Amino acid sequence: MLLIDTSRFGQLVVNPDRLIVFAEGILGFPLQHEYALIQTGEGSGFYWLQSVDTRDLAFVVCDPRLFVADYHVPLKVEDLECIGINDPQNGQVFVIVNKVGDMLTGNFRGPLVVNVANRKARQLVLSDKRYATRQPLMRITARQVMGKTA
């Protein structure tokens, strides 16, 4: 088990199986490589991607297909070889979620692809104009924010 110091949750004991490594970092954070994937609640589709090394750095992420069933990332084998994926079907896709006003949005043009076998990951930058960096996911109410549903 690994002990991680976080600003949101205090100290967390994390199973090493929940660690994800971004060798190239995440856009804007190229020097942050190790993150823990933390579920926000039982049955929730949202997770925290908490930096192992920086207590104040964490992203809310989700599987984009929870909101856009036909979301498809045009995965190319050459883009994913660096994380050990030879078959694009072996990758788990997440998007970073942001709160904009009373909406949760997802960065569908910068998906995170995780090799579930070795937990190596990479952020892709898509040029596909069908999706936005602030793709609407859902409207949230004051009660959901106060109850920290997302």
C-alpha atoms as a PDB file:
ATOM      1  CA  MET A   1       0.000   0.000   0.000  1.00  0.00           C
ATOM      2  CA  LEU A   2       1.041   3.558  -0.707  1.00  0.00           C
ATOM      3  CA  LEU A   3       0.380   6.610   1.486  1.00  0.00           C
ATOM      4  CA  ILE A   4      -0.540   9.748  -0.481  1.00  0.00           C
ATOM      5  CA  ASP A   5      -0.937  13.205   1.059  1.00  0.00           C
ATOM      6  CA  THR A   6      -3.816  15.144  -0.555  1.00  0.00           C
ATOM      7  CA  SER A   7      -5.340  18.553   0.045  1.00  0.00           C
ATOM      8  CA  ARG A   8      -8.910  17.286  -0.484  1.00  0.00           C
ATOM      9  CA  PHE A   9      -8.910  14.002   1.421  1.00  0.00           C
ATOM     10  CA  GLY A  10      -5.954  14.244   3.787  1.00  0.00           C
ATOM     11  CA  GLN A  11      -3.737  11.183   3.790  1.00  0.00           C
ATOM     12  CA  LEU A  12      -4.980   8.286   1.695  1.00  0.00           C
ATOM     13  CA  VAL A  13      -3.823   4.699   1.665  1.00  0.00           C
ATOM     14  CA  VAL A  14      -3.862   3.637  -1.986  1.00  0.00           C
ATOM     15  CA  ASN A  15      -3.456   0.190  -3.459  1.00  0.00           C
ATOM     16  CA  PRO A  16      -0.582   0.307  -6.003  1.00  0.00           C
ATOM     17  CA  ASP A  17      -3.001  -1.271  -8.499  1.00  0.00           C
ATOM     18  CA  ARG A  18      -4.794   2.103  -8.560  1.00  0.00           C
ATOM     19  CA  LEU A  19      -1.695   4.014  -9.749  1.00  0.00           C
ATOM     20  CA  ILE A  20      -1.556   5.306 -13.307  1.00  0.00           C
ATOM     21  CA  VAL A  21       1.663   6.567 -14.907  1.00  0.00           C
ATOM     22  CA  PHE A  22       1.687   9.278 -17.584  1.00  0.00           C
ATOM     23  CA  ALA A  23       5.283   9.210 -18.876  1.00  0.00           C
ATOM     24  CA  GLU A  24       4.662  12.462 -20.782  1.00  0.00           C
ATOM     25  CA  GLY A  25       2.497  14.013 -18.069  1.00  0.00           C
ATOM     26  CA  ILE A  26      -0.887  15.628 -18.686  1.00  0.00           C
ATOM     27  CA  LEU A  27      -1.236  18.831 -20.715  1.00  0.00           C
ATOM     28  CA  GLY A  28      -0.077  21.711 -18.539  1.00  0.00           C
ATOM     29  CA  PHE A  29       1.560  19.341 -16.043  1.00  0.00           C
ATOM     30  CA  PRO A  30       4.432  17.662 -17.931  1.00  0.00           C
ATOM     31  CA  LEU A  31       6.457  16.924 -14.788  1.00  0.00           C
ATOM     32  CA  GLN A  32       3.636  15.156 -12.923  1.00  0.00           C
ATOM     33  CA  HIS A  33       3.755  11.506 -13.905  1.00  0.00           C
ATOM     34  CA  GLU A  34       2.113   9.366 -11.209  1.00  0.00           C
ATOM     35  CA  TYR A  35      -1.568   9.585 -10.274  1.00  0.00           C
ATOM     36  CA  ALA A  36      -3.914   7.515  -8.141  1.00  0.00           C
ATOM     37  CA  LEU A  37      -7.387   6.761  -9.492  1.00  0.00           C
ATOM     38  CA  ILE A  38      -9.819   7.276  -6.601  1.00  0.00           C
ATOM     39  CA  GLN A  39     -13.529   6.500  -6.882  1.00  0.00           C
ATOM     40  CA  THR A  40     -15.717   9.385  -5.680  1.00  0.00           C
ATOM     41  CA  GLY A  41     -18.463   7.175  -4.286  1.00  0.00           C
ATOM     42  CA  GLU A  42     -20.133   3.798  -4.537  1.00  0.00           C
ATOM     43  CA  GLY A  43     -21.710   3.436  -7.965  1.00  0.00           C
ATOM     44  CA  SER A  44     -20.423   6.803  -9.179  1.00  0.00           C
ATOM     45  CA  GLY A  45     -19.037   7.143 -12.677  1.00  0.00           C
ATOM     46  CA  PHE A  46     -16.699   9.921 -11.539  1.00  0.00           C
ATOM     47  CA  TYR A  47     -13.172   9.441 -10.205  1.00  0.00           C
ATOM     48  CA  TRP A  48     -10.444  11.653  -8.822  1.00  0.00           C
ATOM     49  CA  LEU A  49      -7.113  11.422 -10.612  1.00  0.00           C
ATOM     50  CA  GLN A  50      -4.904  12.518  -7.714  1.00  0.00           C
ATOM     51  CA  SER A  51      -1.235  13.343  -8.219  1.00  0.00           C
ATOM     52  CA  VAL A  52       1.003  11.162  -6.063  1.00  0.00           C
ATOM     53  CA  ASP A  53       3.646  13.886  -5.704  1.00  0.00           C
ATOM     54  CA  THR A  54       1.628  17.126  -5.552  1.00  0.00           C
ATOM     55  CA  ARG A  55      -1.060  17.206  -2.868  1.00  0.00           C
ATOM     56  CA  ASP A  56      -2.997  20.078  -4.513  1.00  0.00           C
ATOM     57  CA  LEU A  57      -3.168  18.532  -7.990  1.00  0.00           C
ATOM     58  CA  ALA A  58      -6.179  16.374  -8.794  1.00  0.00           C
ATOM     59  CA  PHE A  59      -8.614  16.103 -11.693  1.00  0.00           C
ATOM     60  CA  VAL A  60     -12.137  14.749 -11.794  1.00  0.00           C
ATOM     61  CA  VAL A  61     -12.395  12.228 -14.637  1.00  0.00           C
ATOM     62  CA  CYS A  62     -15.075   9.955 -16.072  1.00  0.00           C
ATOM     63  CA  ASP A  63     -15.701   7.538 -18.905  1.00  0.00           C
ATOM     64  CA  PRO A  64     -17.115   9.812 -21.632  1.00  0.00           C
ATOM     65  CA  ARG A  65     -19.423   7.072 -22.898  1.00  0.00           C
ATOM     66  CA  LEU A  66     -21.536   7.506 -19.759  1.00  0.00           C
ATOM     67  CA  PHE A  67     -22.749  10.753 -21.347  1.00  0.00           C
ATOM     68  CA  VAL A  68     -22.105  10.321 -25.080  1.00  0.00           C
ATOM     69  CA  ALA A  69     -22.696   6.656 -25.904  1.00  0.00           C
ATOM     70  CA  ASP A  70     -21.229   6.891 -29.397  1.00  0.00           C
ATOM     71  CA  TYR A  71     -18.057   8.768 -28.334  1.00  0.00           C
ATOM     72  CA  HIS A  72     -15.236   7.192 -30.267  1.00  0.00           C
ATOM     73  CA  VAL A  73     -11.556   8.035 -30.014  1.00  0.00           C
ATOM     74  CA  PRO A  74      -9.750   7.313 -33.277  1.00  0.00           C
ATOM     75  CA  LEU A  75      -6.967   5.359 -31.596  1.00  0.00           C
ATOM     76  CA  LYS A  76      -3.922   4.646 -33.718  1.00  0.00           C
ATOM     77  CA  VAL A  77      -1.587   1.846 -32.700  1.00  0.00           C
ATOM     78  CA  GLU A  78       1.450   4.087 -33.260  1.00  0.00           C
ATOM     79  CA  ASP A  79       0.016   6.638 -30.782  1.00  0.00           C
ATOM     80  CA  LEU A  80      -0.426   3.948 -28.139  1.00  0.00           C
ATOM     81  CA  GLU A  81       2.690   1.793 -28.498  1.00  0.00           C
ATOM     82  CA  CYS A  82       4.424   3.957 -25.887  1.00  0.00           C
ATOM     83  CA  ILE A  83       1.935   2.701 -23.265  1.00  0.00           C
ATOM     84  CA  GLY A  84       2.079  -0.891 -24.473  1.00  0.00           C
ATOM     85  CA  ILE A  85      -1.234  -1.081 -26.305  1.00  0.00           C
ATOM     86  CA  ASN A  86      -1.156  -3.054 -29.530  1.00  0.00           C
ATOM     87  CA  ASP A  87      -4.934  -3.346 -29.868  1.00  0.00           C
ATOM     88  CA  PRO A  88      -6.921  -0.111 -29.375  1.00  0.00           C
ATOM     89  CA  GLN A  89      -9.698  -2.164 -27.717  1.00  0.00           C
ATOM     90  CA  ASN A  90      -7.393  -2.715 -24.710  1.00  0.00           C
ATOM     91  CA  GLY A  91      -7.464   0.921 -23.626  1.00  0.00           C
ATOM     92  CA  GLN A  92      -9.741   2.559 -21.047  1.00  0.00           C
ATOM     93  CA  VAL A  93     -10.697   6.113 -21.997  1.00  0.00           C
ATOM     94  CA  PHE A  94     -11.341   8.913 -19.509  1.00  0.00           C
ATOM     95  CA  VAL A  95     -11.960  12.624 -19.973  1.00  0.00           C
ATOM     96  CA  ILE A  96     -11.131  15.413 -17.547  1.00  0.00           C
ATOM     97  CA  VAL A  97     -14.288  16.988 -16.106  1.00  0.00           C
ATOM     98  CA  ASN A  98     -14.716  20.673 -15.283  1.00  0.00           C
ATOM     99  CA  LYS A  99     -17.514  22.665 -13.678  1.00  0.00           C
ATOM    100  CA  VAL A 100     -18.548  25.634 -15.814  1.00  0.00           C
ATOM    101  CA  GLY A 101     -21.414  27.528 -14.209  1.00  0.00           C
ATOM    102  CA  ASP A 102     -24.093  24.953 -13.465  1.00  0.00           C
ATOM    103  CA  MET A 103     -22.761  22.481 -16.039  1.00  0.00           C
ATOM    104  CA  LEU A 104     -20.227  19.696 -15.856  1.00  0.00           C
ATOM    105  CA  THR A 105     -18.211  19.524 -19.046  1.00  0.00           C
ATOM    106  CA  GLY A 106     -15.647  17.054 -20.320  1.00  0.00           C
ATOM    107  CA  ASN A 107     -12.551  17.594 -22.436  1.00  0.00           C
ATOM    108  CA  PHE A 108     -13.492  15.266 -25.283  1.00  0.00           C
ATOM    109  CA  ARG A 109     -10.633  16.573 -27.450  1.00  0.00           C
ATOM    110  CA  GLY A 110      -7.980  15.596 -24.899  1.00  0.00           C
ATOM    111  CA  PRO A 111      -8.933  12.077 -23.777  1.00  0.00           C
ATOM    112  CA  LEU A 112      -6.774  10.086 -21.383  1.00  0.00           C
ATOM    113  CA  VAL A 113      -6.098   6.539 -22.575  1.00  0.00           C
ATOM    114  CA  VAL A 114      -5.020   3.986 -19.986  1.00  0.00           C
ATOM    115  CA  ASN A 115      -3.557   0.542 -20.669  1.00  0.00           C
ATOM    116  CA  VAL A 116      -5.496  -1.435 -18.060  1.00  0.00           C
ATOM    117  CA  ALA A 117      -2.892  -4.219 -18.057  1.00  0.00           C
ATOM    118  CA  ASN A 118       0.144  -2.130 -17.067  1.00  0.00           C
ATOM    119  CA  ARG A 119      -1.525   1.158 -15.921  1.00  0.00           C
ATOM    120  CA  LYS A 120       0.552   3.282 -18.307  1.00  0.00           C
ATOM    121  CA  ALA A 121      -1.374   6.185 -19.791  1.00  0.00           C
ATOM    122  CA  ARG A 122      -1.204   8.957 -22.318  1.00  0.00           C
ATOM    123  CA  GLN A 123      -3.252  12.038 -23.071  1.00  0.00           C
ATOM    124  CA  LEU A 124      -4.160  12.384 -26.722  1.00  0.00           C
ATOM    125  CA  VAL A 125      -4.936  15.623 -28.533  1.00  0.00           C
ATOM    126  CA  LEU A 126      -7.666  15.114 -31.114  1.00  0.00           C
ATOM    127  CA  SER A 127      -8.398  17.377 -34.052  1.00  0.00           C
ATOM    128  CA  ASP A 128     -11.912  15.929 -34.465  1.00  0.00           C
ATOM    129  CA  LYS A 129     -14.256  18.936 -34.600  1.00  0.00           C
ATOM    130  CA  ARG A 130     -17.296  16.840 -33.555  1.00  0.00           C
ATOM    131  CA  TYR A 131     -16.171  17.143 -29.957  1.00  0.00           C
ATOM    132  CA  ALA A 132     -15.247  20.089 -27.762  1.00  0.00           C
ATOM    133  CA  THR A 133     -12.814  20.725 -24.948  1.00  0.00           C
ATOM    134  CA  ARG A 134     -15.892  21.662 -22.894  1.00  0.00           C
ATOM    135  CA  GLN A 135     -18.397  19.075 -24.098  1.00  0.00           C
ATOM    136  CA  PRO A 136     -21.565  19.412 -21.945  1.00  0.00           C
ATOM    137  CA  LEU A 137     -22.108  16.363 -19.727  1.00  0.00           C
ATOM    138  CA  MET A 138     -24.838  17.321 -17.281  1.00  0.00           C
ATOM    139  CA  ARG A 139     -26.447  20.210 -15.461  1.00  0.00           C
ATOM    140  CA  ILE A 140     -25.872  20.162 -11.716  1.00  0.00           C
ATOM    141  CA  THR A 141     -28.035  21.564  -8.965  1.00  0.00           C
ATOM    142  CA  ALA A 142     -26.962  23.391  -5.822  1.00  0.00           C
ATOM    143  CA  ARG A 143     -27.931  20.283  -3.833  1.00  0.00           C
ATOM    144  CA  GLN A 144     -25.608  18.089  -5.908  1.00  0.00           C
ATOM    145  CA  VAL A 145     -22.730  20.528  -5.373  1.00  0.00           C
ATOM    146  CA  MET A 146     -23.375  20.755  -1.625  1.00  0.00           C
ATOM    147  CA  GLY A 147     -23.662  16.968  -1.405  1.00  0.00           C
ATOM    148  CA  LYS A 148     -20.500  16.671  -3.502  1.00  0.00           C
ATOM    149  CA  THR A 149     -22.169  14.225  -5.893  1.00  0.00           C
ATOM    150  CA  ALA A 150     -19.631  15.032  -8.603  1.00  0.00           C
END
